[in-house]
Full PDB file with SEQRES, HELIX, SHEET, SSBOND, CRYST1, ORIGX, SCALE, CONECT and MASTER records, all heavy atoms in Angstrom:
SEQRES   1 A   31  ASP ILE ILE GLU LEU LEU LYS ASN ILE PHE VAL LYS GLN          
SEQRES   2 A   31  ASP TYR GLU ALA LEU GLY ASP PHE HIS MET ASN ALA LEU          
SEQRES   3 A   31  LEU VAL SER CYS MET                                          
HELIX    1 AA1 ILE A    2  PHE A   10  1                                   9    
HELIX    2 AA2 GLU A   16  ASN A   24  1                                   9    
CRYST1    1.000    1.000    1.000  90.00  90.00  90.00 P 1           1          
ORIGX1      1.000000  0.000000  0.000000        0.00000                         
ORIGX2      0.000000  1.000000  0.000000        0.00000                         
ORIGX3      0.000000  0.000000  1.000000        0.00000                         
SCALE1      1.000000  0.000000  0.000000        0.00000                         
SCALE2      0.000000  1.000000  0.000000        0.00000                         
SCALE3      0.000000  0.000000  1.000000        0.00000                         
ATOM      1  N   ASP A   1     -35.117 -66.987  70.778  1.00  0.00           N  
ATOM      2  CA  ASP A   1     -34.191 -68.091  71.035  1.00  0.00           C  
ATOM      3  C   ASP A   1     -32.787 -67.569  70.809  1.00  0.00           C  
ATOM      4  O   ASP A   1     -32.204 -67.730  69.731  1.00  0.00           O  
ATOM      5  CB  ASP A   1     -34.503 -69.268  70.102  1.00  0.00           C  
ATOM      6  CG  ASP A   1     -33.716 -70.519  70.482  1.00  0.00           C  
ATOM      7  OD1 ASP A   1     -32.712 -70.391  71.211  1.00  0.00           O  
ATOM      8  OD2 ASP A   1     -34.105 -71.612  70.032  1.00  0.00           O  
ATOM      9  N   ILE A   2     -32.237 -66.920  71.829  1.00  0.00           N  
ATOM     10  CA  ILE A   2     -30.984 -66.193  71.680  1.00  0.00           C  
ATOM     11  C   ILE A   2     -29.810 -67.122  71.396  1.00  0.00           C  
ATOM     12  O   ILE A   2     -28.910 -66.789  70.616  1.00  0.00           O  
ATOM     13  CB  ILE A   2     -30.710 -65.314  72.933  1.00  0.00           C  
ATOM     14  CG1 ILE A   2     -29.485 -64.434  72.723  1.00  0.00           C  
ATOM     15  CG2 ILE A   2     -30.575 -66.164  74.180  1.00  0.00           C  
ATOM     16  CD1 ILE A   2     -29.650 -63.379  71.664  1.00  0.00           C  
ATOM     17  N   ILE A   3     -29.786 -68.297  71.989  1.00  0.00           N  
ATOM     18  CA  ILE A   3     -28.673 -69.218  71.746  1.00  0.00           C  
ATOM     19  C   ILE A   3     -28.691 -69.705  70.298  1.00  0.00           C  
ATOM     20  O   ILE A   3     -27.651 -69.745  69.623  1.00  0.00           O  
ATOM     21  CB  ILE A   3     -28.703 -70.395  72.740  1.00  0.00           C  
ATOM     22  CG1 ILE A   3     -28.366 -69.886  74.151  1.00  0.00           C  
ATOM     23  CG2 ILE A   3     -27.724 -71.487  72.319  1.00  0.00           C  
ATOM     24  CD1 ILE A   3     -28.335 -70.967  75.213  1.00  0.00           C  
ATOM     25  N   GLU A   4     -29.864 -70.065  69.809  1.00  0.00           N  
ATOM     26  CA  GLU A   4     -29.970 -70.514  68.421  1.00  0.00           C  
ATOM     27  C   GLU A   4     -29.599 -69.389  67.457  1.00  0.00           C  
ATOM     28  O   GLU A   4     -28.938 -69.611  66.429  1.00  0.00           O  
ATOM     29  CB  GLU A   4     -31.390 -70.997  68.132  1.00  0.00           C  
ATOM     30  CG  GLU A   4     -31.560 -71.687  66.798  1.00  0.00           C  
ATOM     31  CD  GLU A   4     -30.739 -72.967  66.687  1.00  0.00           C  
ATOM     32  OE1 GLU A   4     -30.452 -73.594  67.731  1.00  0.00           O  
ATOM     33  OE2 GLU A   4     -30.369 -73.324  65.540  1.00  0.00           O  
ATOM     34  N   LEU A   5     -29.998 -68.164  67.793  1.00  0.00           N  
ATOM     35  CA  LEU A   5     -29.663 -67.012  66.960  1.00  0.00           C  
ATOM     36  C   LEU A   5     -28.153 -66.833  66.870  1.00  0.00           C  
ATOM     37  O   LEU A   5     -27.596 -66.634  65.786  1.00  0.00           O  
ATOM     38  CB  LEU A   5     -30.335 -65.763  67.545  1.00  0.00           C  
ATOM     39  CG  LEU A   5     -30.169 -64.439  66.780  1.00  0.00           C  
ATOM     40  CD1 LEU A   5     -31.414 -63.576  66.966  1.00  0.00           C  
ATOM     41  CD2 LEU A   5     -28.948 -63.654  67.264  1.00  0.00           C  
ATOM     42  N   LEU A   6     -27.468 -66.907  68.014  1.00  0.00           N  
ATOM     43  CA  LEU A   6     -26.014 -66.749  68.024  1.00  0.00           C  
ATOM     44  C   LEU A   6     -25.324 -67.903  67.294  1.00  0.00           C  
ATOM     45  O   LEU A   6     -24.313 -67.689  66.609  1.00  0.00           O  
ATOM     46  CB  LEU A   6     -25.507 -66.643  69.465  1.00  0.00           C  
ATOM     47  CG  LEU A   6     -25.867 -65.337  70.182  1.00  0.00           C  
ATOM     48  CD1 LEU A   6     -25.531 -65.420  71.665  1.00  0.00           C  
ATOM     49  CD2 LEU A   6     -25.148 -64.153  69.542  1.00  0.00           C  
ATOM     50  N   LYS A   7     -25.859 -69.097  67.415  1.00  0.00           N  
ATOM     51  CA  LYS A   7     -25.302 -70.236  66.676  1.00  0.00           C  
ATOM     52  C   LYS A   7     -25.365 -69.974  65.169  1.00  0.00           C  
ATOM     53  O   LYS A   7     -24.425 -70.242  64.429  1.00  0.00           O  
ATOM     54  CB  LYS A   7     -26.064 -71.517  67.012  1.00  0.00           C  
ATOM     55  CG  LYS A   7     -25.728 -72.136  68.352  1.00  0.00           C  
ATOM     56  CD  LYS A   7     -26.545 -73.413  68.541  1.00  0.00           C  
ATOM     57  CE  LYS A   7     -26.292 -74.049  69.903  1.00  0.00           C  
ATOM     58  NZ  LYS A   7     -27.124 -75.272  70.098  1.00  0.00           N  
ATOM     59  N   ASN A   8     -26.506 -69.447  64.718  1.00  0.00           N  
ATOM     60  CA  ASN A   8     -26.656 -69.161  63.291  1.00  0.00           C  
ATOM     61  C   ASN A   8     -25.655 -68.113  62.816  1.00  0.00           C  
ATOM     62  O   ASN A   8     -25.134 -68.195  61.702  1.00  0.00           O  
ATOM     63  CB  ASN A   8     -28.078 -68.683  62.989  1.00  0.00           C  
ATOM     64  CG  ASN A   8     -29.084 -69.811  63.026  1.00  0.00           C  
ATOM     65  OD1 ASN A   8     -28.732 -70.967  62.825  1.00  0.00           O  
ATOM     66  ND2 ASN A   8     -30.337 -69.485  63.295  1.00  0.00           N  
ATOM     67  N   ILE A   9     -25.390 -67.137  63.679  1.00  0.00           N  
ATOM     68  CA  ILE A   9     -24.427 -66.093  63.322  1.00  0.00           C  
ATOM     69  C   ILE A   9     -23.013 -66.670  63.293  1.00  0.00           C  
ATOM     70  O   ILE A   9     -22.243 -66.447  62.350  1.00  0.00           O  
ATOM     71  CB  ILE A   9     -24.510 -64.915  64.315  1.00  0.00           C  
ATOM     72  CG1 ILE A   9     -25.857 -64.207  64.178  1.00  0.00           C  
ATOM     73  CG2 ILE A   9     -23.368 -63.933  64.075  1.00  0.00           C  
ATOM     74  CD1 ILE A   9     -26.122 -63.170  65.243  1.00  0.00           C  
ATOM     75  N   PHE A  10     -22.654 -67.424  64.338  1.00  0.00           N  
ATOM     76  CA  PHE A  10     -21.278 -67.906  64.465  1.00  0.00           C  
ATOM     77  C   PHE A  10     -20.973 -69.074  63.534  1.00  0.00           C  
ATOM     78  O   PHE A  10     -19.936 -69.095  62.875  1.00  0.00           O  
ATOM     79  CB  PHE A  10     -21.004 -68.327  65.911  1.00  0.00           C  
ATOM     80  CG  PHE A  10     -21.071 -67.196  66.897  1.00  0.00           C  
ATOM     81  CD1 PHE A  10     -21.271 -67.451  68.253  1.00  0.00           C  
ATOM     82  CD2 PHE A  10     -20.942 -65.883  66.493  1.00  0.00           C  
ATOM     83  CE1 PHE A  10     -21.323 -66.414  69.169  1.00  0.00           C  
ATOM     84  CE2 PHE A  10     -21.001 -64.838  67.400  1.00  0.00           C  
ATOM     85  CZ  PHE A  10     -21.201 -65.108  68.745  1.00  0.00           C  
ATOM     86  N   VAL A  11     -21.853 -70.052  63.493  1.00  0.00           N  
ATOM     87  CA  VAL A  11     -21.566 -71.279  62.753  1.00  0.00           C  
ATOM     88  C   VAL A  11     -21.932 -71.133  61.276  1.00  0.00           C  
ATOM     89  O   VAL A  11     -21.129 -71.426  60.389  1.00  0.00           O  
ATOM     90  CB  VAL A  11     -22.308 -72.487  63.373  1.00  0.00           C  
ATOM     91  CG1 VAL A  11     -22.026 -73.751  62.570  1.00  0.00           C  
ATOM     92  CG2 VAL A  11     -21.885 -72.668  64.826  1.00  0.00           C  
ATOM     93  N   LYS A  12     -23.142 -70.665  61.007  1.00  0.00           N  
ATOM     94  CA  LYS A  12     -23.600 -70.546  59.617  1.00  0.00           C  
ATOM     95  C   LYS A  12     -23.255 -69.188  59.009  1.00  0.00           C  
ATOM     96  O   LYS A  12     -23.426 -68.996  57.805  1.00  0.00           O  
ATOM     97  CB  LYS A  12     -25.120 -70.752  59.555  1.00  0.00           C  
ATOM     98  CG  LYS A  12     -25.578 -72.124  60.045  1.00  0.00           C  
ATOM     99  CD  LYS A  12     -27.098 -72.233  59.970  1.00  0.00           C  
ATOM    100  CE  LYS A  12     -27.592 -73.564  60.516  1.00  0.00           C  
ATOM    101  NZ  LYS A  12     -29.070 -73.664  60.480  1.00  0.00           N  
ATOM    102  N   GLN A  13     -22.764 -68.280  59.853  1.00  0.00           N  
ATOM    103  CA  GLN A  13     -22.487 -66.898  59.426  1.00  0.00           C  
ATOM    104  C   GLN A  13     -23.731 -66.315  58.742  1.00  0.00           C  
ATOM    105  O   GLN A  13     -23.660 -65.670  57.695  1.00  0.00           O  
ATOM    106  CB  GLN A  13     -21.259 -66.835  58.521  1.00  0.00           C  
ATOM    107  CG  GLN A  13     -19.996 -67.269  59.261  1.00  0.00           C  
ATOM    108  CD  GLN A  13     -18.727 -67.051  58.475  1.00  0.00           C  
ATOM    109  OE1 GLN A  13     -18.605 -66.071  57.750  1.00  0.00           O  
ATOM    110  NE2 GLN A  13     -17.761 -67.942  58.628  1.00  0.00           N  
ATOM    111  N   ASP A  14     -24.876 -66.569  59.367  1.00  0.00           N  
ATOM    112  CA  ASP A  14     -26.171 -66.093  58.887  1.00  0.00           C  
ATOM    113  C   ASP A  14     -26.467 -64.750  59.554  1.00  0.00           C  
ATOM    114  O   ASP A  14     -27.032 -64.687  60.642  1.00  0.00           O  
ATOM    115  CB  ASP A  14     -27.264 -67.120  59.231  1.00  0.00           C  
ATOM    116  CG  ASP A  14     -28.653 -66.640  58.835  1.00  0.00           C  
ATOM    117  OD1 ASP A  14     -28.739 -65.622  58.116  1.00  0.00           O  
ATOM    118  OD2 ASP A  14     -29.640 -67.266  59.252  1.00  0.00           O  
ATOM    119  N   TYR A  15     -26.067 -63.673  58.887  1.00  0.00           N  
ATOM    120  CA  TYR A  15     -26.203 -62.354  59.508  1.00  0.00           C  
ATOM    121  C   TYR A  15     -27.620 -61.797  59.399  1.00  0.00           C  
ATOM    122  O   TYR A  15     -27.929 -60.766  59.997  1.00  0.00           O  
ATOM    123  CB  TYR A  15     -25.176 -61.395  58.908  1.00  0.00           C  
ATOM    124  CG  TYR A  15     -23.763 -61.882  59.118  1.00  0.00           C  
ATOM    125  CD1 TYR A  15     -22.911 -62.101  58.053  1.00  0.00           C  
ATOM    126  CD2 TYR A  15     -23.305 -62.184  60.404  1.00  0.00           C  
ATOM    127  CE1 TYR A  15     -21.626 -62.584  58.247  1.00  0.00           C  
ATOM    128  CE2 TYR A  15     -22.025 -62.666  60.611  1.00  0.00           C  
ATOM    129  CZ  TYR A  15     -21.184 -62.862  59.531  1.00  0.00           C  
ATOM    130  OH  TYR A  15     -19.916 -63.346  59.734  1.00  0.00           O  
ATOM    131  N   GLU A  16     -28.484 -62.488  58.649  1.00  0.00           N  
ATOM    132  CA  GLU A  16     -29.896 -62.092  58.648  1.00  0.00           C  
ATOM    133  C   GLU A  16     -30.497 -62.318  60.032  1.00  0.00           C  
ATOM    134  O   GLU A  16     -31.433 -61.625  60.432  1.00  0.00           O  
ATOM    135  CB  GLU A  16     -30.667 -62.892  57.602  1.00  0.00           C  
ATOM    136  CG  GLU A  16     -30.374 -62.472  56.173  1.00  0.00           C  
ATOM    137  CD  GLU A  16     -31.284 -63.164  55.181  1.00  0.00           C  
ATOM    138  OE1 GLU A  16     -32.254 -63.810  55.622  1.00  0.00           O  
ATOM    139  OE2 GLU A  16     -31.022 -63.054  53.972  1.00  0.00           O  
ATOM    140  N   ALA A  17     -29.930 -63.287  60.754  1.00  0.00           N  
ATOM    141  CA  ALA A  17     -30.398 -63.540  62.121  1.00  0.00           C  
ATOM    142  C   ALA A  17     -30.166 -62.322  62.999  1.00  0.00           C  
ATOM    143  O   ALA A  17     -30.956 -62.017  63.899  1.00  0.00           O  
ATOM    144  CB  ALA A  17     -29.675 -64.759  62.708  1.00  0.00           C  
ATOM    145  N   LEU A  18     -29.079 -61.606  62.731  1.00  0.00           N  
ATOM    146  CA  LEU A  18     -28.794 -60.387  63.486  1.00  0.00           C  
ATOM    147  C   LEU A  18     -29.850 -59.328  63.200  1.00  0.00           C  
ATOM    148  O   LEU A  18     -30.270 -58.589  64.086  1.00  0.00           O  
ATOM    149  CB  LEU A  18     -27.401 -59.869  63.123  1.00  0.00           C  
ATOM    150  CG  LEU A  18     -26.713 -58.926  64.108  1.00  0.00           C  
ATOM    151  CD1 LEU A  18     -26.633 -59.530  65.500  1.00  0.00           C  
ATOM    152  CD2 LEU A  18     -25.325 -58.563  63.614  1.00  0.00           C  
ATOM    153  N   GLY A  19     -30.297 -59.291  61.952  1.00  0.00           N  
ATOM    154  CA  GLY A  19     -31.381 -58.375  61.594  1.00  0.00           C  
ATOM    155  C   GLY A  19     -32.660 -58.713  62.315  1.00  0.00           C  
ATOM    156  O   GLY A  19     -33.388 -57.820  62.772  1.00  0.00           O  
ATOM    157  N   ASP A  20     -32.942 -60.006  62.454  1.00  0.00           N  
ATOM    158  CA  ASP A  20     -34.133 -60.432  63.196  1.00  0.00           C  
ATOM    159  C   ASP A  20     -34.057 -59.981  64.650  1.00  0.00           C  
ATOM    160  O   ASP A  20     -35.061 -59.586  65.251  1.00  0.00           O  
ATOM    161  CB  ASP A  20     -34.278 -61.954  63.131  1.00  0.00           C  
ATOM    162  CG  ASP A  20     -34.587 -62.447  61.728  1.00  0.00           C  
ATOM    163  OD1 ASP A  20     -35.072 -61.628  60.915  1.00  0.00           O  
ATOM    164  OD2 ASP A  20     -34.323 -63.628  61.443  1.00  0.00           O  
ATOM    165  N   PHE A  21     -32.853 -60.060  65.215  1.00  0.00           N  
ATOM    166  CA  PHE A  21     -32.653 -59.604  66.596  1.00  0.00           C  
ATOM    167  C   PHE A  21     -33.026 -58.129  66.720  1.00  0.00           C  
ATOM    168  O   PHE A  21     -33.757 -57.722  67.628  1.00  0.00           O  
ATOM    169  CB  PHE A  21     -31.199 -59.835  67.000  1.00  0.00           C  
ATOM    170  CG  PHE A  21     -30.814 -59.192  68.306  1.00  0.00           C  
ATOM    171  CD1 PHE A  21     -31.026 -59.865  69.510  1.00  0.00           C  
ATOM    172  CD2 PHE A  21     -30.239 -57.928  68.351  1.00  0.00           C  
ATOM    173  CE1 PHE A  21     -30.664 -59.289  70.715  1.00  0.00           C  
ATOM    174  CE2 PHE A  21     -29.881 -57.341  69.552  1.00  0.00           C  
ATOM    175  CZ  PHE A  21     -30.098 -58.026  70.737  1.00  0.00           C  
ATOM    176  N   HIS A  22     -32.530 -57.311  65.801  1.00  0.00           N  
ATOM    177  CA  HIS A  22     -32.789 -55.872  65.859  1.00  0.00           C  
ATOM    178  C   HIS A  22     -34.271 -55.555  65.668  1.00  0.00           C  
ATOM    179  O   HIS A  22     -34.774 -54.573  66.230  1.00  0.00           O  
ATOM    180  CB  HIS A  22     -31.951 -55.148  64.807  1.00  0.00           C  
ATOM    181  CG  HIS A  22     -30.501 -55.031  65.144  1.00  0.00           C  
ATOM    182  ND1 HIS A  22     -30.032 -54.175  66.116  1.00  0.00           N  
ATOM    183  CD2 HIS A  22     -29.417 -55.672  64.667  1.00  0.00           C  
ATOM    184  CE1 HIS A  22     -28.718 -54.289  66.207  1.00  0.00           C  
ATOM    185  NE2 HIS A  22     -28.316 -55.202  65.349  1.00  0.00           N  
ATOM    186  N   MET A  23     -34.971 -56.365  64.904  1.00  0.00           N  
ATOM    187  CA  MET A  23     -36.390 -56.109  64.655  1.00  0.00           C  
ATOM    188  C   MET A  23     -37.232 -56.325  65.911  1.00  0.00           C  
ATOM    189  O   MET A  23     -38.305 -55.754  66.054  1.00  0.00           O  
ATOM    190  CB  MET A  23     -36.897 -57.024  63.543  1.00  0.00           C  
ATOM    191  CG  MET A  23     -36.331 -56.690  62.172  1.00  0.00           C  
ATOM    192  SD  MET A  23     -36.875 -55.093  61.538  1.00  0.00           S  
ATOM    193  CE  MET A  23     -38.562 -55.487  61.092  1.00  0.00           C  
ATOM    194  N   ASN A  24     -36.738 -57.151  66.831  1.00  0.00           N  
ATOM    195  CA  ASN A  24     -37.495 -57.453  68.042  1.00  0.00           C  
ATOM    196  C   ASN A  24     -37.015 -56.686  69.267  1.00  0.00           C  
ATOM    197  O   ASN A  24     -37.576 -56.831  70.351  1.00  0.00           O  
ATOM    198  CB  ASN A  24     -37.420 -58.959  68.336  1.00  0.00           C  
ATOM    199  CG  ASN A  24     -38.214 -59.767  67.337  1.00  0.00           C  
ATOM    200  OD1 ASN A  24     -39.410 -59.567  67.184  1.00  0.00           O  
ATOM    201  ND2 ASN A  24     -37.550 -60.671  66.632  1.00  0.00           N  
ATOM    202  N   ALA A  25     -35.958 -55.889  69.086  1.00  0.00           N  
ATOM    203  CA  ALA A  25     -35.361 -55.192  70.223  1.00  0.00           C  
ATOM    204  C   ALA A  25     -35.431 -53.684  70.021  1.00  0.00           C  
ATOM    205  O   ALA A  25     -35.496 -53.190  68.893  1.00  0.00           O  
ATOM    206  CB  ALA A  25     -33.911 -55.625  70.397  1.00  0.00           C  
ATOM    207  N   LEU A  26     -35.413 -52.963  71.121  1.00  0.00           N  
ATOM    208  CA  LEU A  26     -35.323 -51.506  71.080  1.00  0.00           C  
ATOM    209  C   LEU A  26     -33.955 -51.098  71.607  1.00  0.00           C  
ATOM    210  O   LEU A  26     -33.595 -51.428  72.742  1.00  0.00           O  
ATOM    211  CB  LEU A  26     -36.418 -50.861  71.941  1.00  0.00           C  
ATOM    212  CG  LEU A  26     -36.403 -49.324  71.955  1.00  0.00           C  
ATOM    213  CD1 LEU A  26     -36.931 -48.777  70.630  1.00  0.00           C  
ATOM    214  CD2 LEU A  26     -37.235 -48.779  73.125  1.00  0.00           C  
ATOM    215  N   LEU A  27     -33.187 -50.414  70.790  1.00  0.00           N  
ATOM    216  CA  LEU A  27     -31.911 -49.876  71.236  1.00  0.00           C  
ATOM    217  C   LEU A  27     -32.167 -48.563  71.973  1.00  0.00           C  
ATOM    218  O   LEU A  27     -32.738 -47.627  71.398  1.00  0.00           O  
ATOM    219  CB  LEU A  27     -30.988 -49.638  70.039  1.00  0.00           C  
ATOM    220  CG  LEU A  27     -29.655 -48.941  70.350  1.00  0.00           C  
ATOM    221  CD1 LEU A  27     -28.792 -49.788  71.272  1.00  0.00           C  
ATOM    222  CD2 LEU A  27     -28.905 -48.603  69.065  1.00  0.00           C  
ATOM    223  N   VAL A  28     -31.765 -48.503  73.225  1.00  0.00           N  
ATOM    224  CA  VAL A  28     -31.852 -47.265  74.014  1.00  0.00           C  
ATOM    225  C   VAL A  28     -30.426 -46.788  74.230  1.00  0.00           C  
ATOM    226  O   VAL A  28     -29.618 -47.483  74.865  1.00  0.00           O  
ATOM    227  CB  VAL A  28     -32.548 -47.496  75.365  1.00  0.00           C  
ATOM    228  CG1 VAL A  28     -32.610 -46.187  76.162  1.00  0.00           C  
ATOM    229  CG2 VAL A  28     -33.949 -48.053  75.158  1.00  0.00           C  
ATOM    230  N   SER A  29     -30.101 -45.629  73.692  1.00  0.00           N  
ATOM    231  CA  SER A  29     -28.715 -45.163  73.737  1.00  0.00           C  
ATOM    232  C   SER A  29     -28.642 -43.681  74.047  1.00  0.00           C  
ATOM    233  O   SER A  29     -29.642 -42.961  73.991  1.00  0.00           O  
ATOM    234  CB  SER A  29     -28.020 -45.461  72.401  1.00  0.00           C  
ATOM    235  OG  SER A  29     -28.695 -44.827  71.330  1.00  0.00           O  
ATOM    236  N   CYS A  30     -27.431 -43.251  74.358  1.00  0.00           N  
ATOM    237  CA  CYS A  30     -27.177 -41.834  74.630  1.00  0.00           C  
ATOM    238  C   CYS A  30     -25.833 -41.484  74.017  1.00  0.00           C  
ATOM    239  O   CYS A  30     -24.828 -42.160  74.264  1.00  0.00           O  
ATOM    240  CB  CYS A  30     -27.164 -41.567  76.129  1.00  0.00           C  
ATOM    241  SG  CYS A  30     -26.780 -39.848  76.573  1.00  0.00           S  
ATOM    242  N   MET A  31     -25.821 -40.460  73.212  1.00  0.00           N  
ATOM    243  CA  MET A  31     -24.600 -39.999  72.556  1.00  0.00           C  
ATOM    244  C   MET A  31     -24.375 -38.540  72.948  1.00  0.00           C  
ATOM    245  O   MET A  31     -25.216 -37.690  72.683  1.00  0.00           O  
ATOM    246  CB  MET A  31     -24.759 -40.127  71.038  1.00  0.00           C  
ATOM    247  CG  MET A  31     -23.498 -39.931  70.241  1.00  0.00           C  
ATOM    248  SD  MET A  31     -23.843 -40.107  68.472  1.00  0.00           S  
ATOM    249  CE  MET A  31     -24.483 -41.775  68.408  1.00  0.00           C  
TER     250      MET A  31                                                      
MASTER        0    0    0    2    0    0    0    6  249    1    0    3          
END                                                                             
């Protein structure tokens, strides 16, 4: 629920929600 997640970050400043996002996503990057 990406909208609810962003609401928690912006309104409640709940940065644990950001951690939940990372746990469900794979970062694919190139440096």
